[in-house]
Amino acid sequence: MDPFLLIMLALLAVVLFVLPARQRKAMQARAQALQEALEIGSPVMTTSGMHGTVAALGETTLDLEIAPGVVVTFARQAILEIRKPAGAVETPGDEPPGAGGSRPADDAL
């Protein structure tokens, strides 16, 4: 068999099997870190885009308060991210590009 063909097959195996496995492992590690960081009072967003505050934590579920006195139960895996509290102070580097500053029309008023 041609050595070049063997090298190409080995590279193909790496690309098709090893790299996706590493990406899955990294995603699982991020998901595990998110689950461990959940605590009562944390503002979160679900995968469906619902925002709420963690009211209670269970083994596989959590309760979100989505309005004062309105609590719903979600699977823990439905939590996409932990949000910053509404009154959190942002540092100048936290703003996305183009989000900061005032617009010229605002200055004219």
Protein backbone atom coordinates (compact mmCIF):
# COMPACT_ATOMS: atom_id res chain seq x y z
CA MET A 1 0.00 0.00 0.00
CA ASP A 2 1.20 3.49 -0.78
CA PRO A 3 2.55 5.37 2.32
CA PHE A 4 0.81 8.55 1.18
CA LEU A 5 -2.54 6.74 1.22
CA LEU A 6 -1.89 5.47 4.76
CA ILE A 7 -1.06 8.97 5.95
CA MET A 8 -4.24 10.35 4.36
CA LEU A 9 -6.36 7.62 5.97
CA ALA A 10 -4.81 8.37 9.36
CA LEU A 11 -5.52 12.09 8.97
CA LEU A 12 -9.09 11.32 7.92
CA ALA A 13 -9.55 9.17 11.02
CA VAL A 14 -8.30 12.01 13.22
CA VAL A 15 -10.59 14.53 11.59
CA LEU A 16 -13.68 12.29 11.70
CA PHE A 17 -13.27 10.70 15.14
CA VAL A 18 -10.78 12.40 17.44
CA LEU A 19 -11.61 16.08 16.90
CA PRO A 20 -15.41 15.72 17.35
CA ALA A 21 -14.83 13.62 20.47
CA ARG A 22 -12.66 16.37 21.96
CA GLN A 23 -15.31 18.99 21.15
CA ARG A 24 -18.04 16.89 22.79
CA LYS A 25 -15.88 16.46 25.89
CA ALA A 26 -15.30 20.22 26.11
CA MET A 27 -19.03 20.92 25.71
CA GLN A 28 -19.85 18.39 28.44
CA ALA A 29 -17.31 20.04 30.75
CA ARG A 30 -18.89 23.47 30.14
CA ALA A 31 -22.37 22.06 30.79
CA GLN A 32 -21.18 20.42 34.01
CA ALA A 33 -19.58 23.67 35.18
CA LEU A 34 -22.83 25.52 34.47
CA GLN A 35 -24.84 22.97 36.47
CA GLU A 36 -22.44 23.24 39.40
CA ALA A 37 -22.60 27.06 39.33
CA LEU A 38 -26.40 27.14 39.66
CA GLU A 39 -27.57 28.42 43.02
CA ILE A 40 -30.75 29.86 44.45
CA GLY A 41 -31.16 33.48 43.42
CA SER A 42 -29.14 33.18 40.19
CA PRO A 43 -30.71 34.94 37.20
CA VAL A 44 -30.78 32.46 34.29
CA MET A 45 -32.03 32.07 30.73
CA THR A 46 -33.45 28.80 29.43
CA THR A 47 -32.87 27.28 26.01
CA SER A 48 -36.33 28.55 25.01
CA GLY A 49 -35.37 32.13 25.92
CA MET A 50 -37.33 32.42 29.16
CA HIS A 51 -35.62 34.52 31.82
CA GLY A 52 -36.10 33.87 35.51
CA THR A 53 -34.47 33.52 38.90
CA VAL A 54 -33.64 30.14 40.41
CA ALA A 55 -36.08 29.60 43.29
CA ALA A 56 -35.23 25.98 44.16
CA LEU A 57 -32.83 23.28 43.00
CA GLY A 58 -33.61 19.59 42.68
CA GLU A 59 -31.55 16.64 41.51
CA THR A 60 -32.80 16.81 37.89
CA THR A 61 -35.09 19.85 37.95
CA LEU A 62 -35.11 23.41 39.17
CA ASP A 63 -37.83 25.94 39.89
CA LEU A 64 -37.66 29.33 38.20
CA GLU A 65 -39.50 32.39 39.39
CA ILE A 66 -40.45 34.15 36.14
CA ALA A 67 -42.59 36.85 37.78
CA PRO A 68 -43.31 37.72 41.41
CA GLY A 69 -45.15 34.69 42.81
CA VAL A 70 -45.05 32.74 39.51
CA VAL A 71 -42.79 29.68 39.74
CA VAL A 72 -42.33 27.09 36.98
CA THR A 73 -40.32 23.87 36.95
CA PHE A 74 -37.68 23.15 34.30
CA ALA A 75 -35.24 20.32 33.67
CA ARG A 76 -31.77 21.41 34.74
CA GLN A 77 -30.50 20.78 31.21
CA ALA A 78 -32.86 23.48 29.93
CA ILE A 79 -30.69 26.20 31.45
CA LEU A 80 -28.63 27.81 28.70
CA GLU A 81 -26.73 30.41 30.70
CA ILE A 82 -26.46 32.23 33.99
CA ARG A 83 -27.19 35.92 33.41
CA LYS A 84 -25.67 38.91 35.18
CA PRO A 85 -27.92 40.43 37.85
CA ALA A 86 -29.96 43.40 36.59
CA GLY A 87 -28.04 45.93 38.71
CA ALA A 88 -24.57 44.56 37.97
CA VAL A 89 -21.91 47.12 37.17
CA GLU A 90 -20.14 46.38 33.90
CA THR A 91 -16.49 47.14 33.28
CA PRO A 92 -15.64 49.07 30.10
CA GLY A 93 -14.36 45.90 28.36
CA ASP A 94 -17.69 44.04 28.85
CA GLU A 95 -19.60 45.91 26.15
CA PRO A 96 -19.98 44.29 22.76
CA PRO A 97 -18.56 46.28 19.84
CA GLY A 98 -20.84 49.11 18.80
CA ALA A 99 -23.01 48.85 21.92
CA GLY A 100 -21.47 51.64 23.95
CA GLY A 101 -21.76 55.38 23.79
CA SER A 102 -24.61 57.59 22.77
CA ARG A 103 -25.95 58.15 19.31
CA PRO A 104 -25.65 61.60 17.73
CA ALA A 105 -29.45 61.91 17.65
CA ASP A 106 -29.54 61.41 21.45
CA ASP A 107 -27.06 64.27 21.98
CA ALA A 108 -29.21 66.68 19.97
CA LEU A 109 -32.20 66.32 22.30
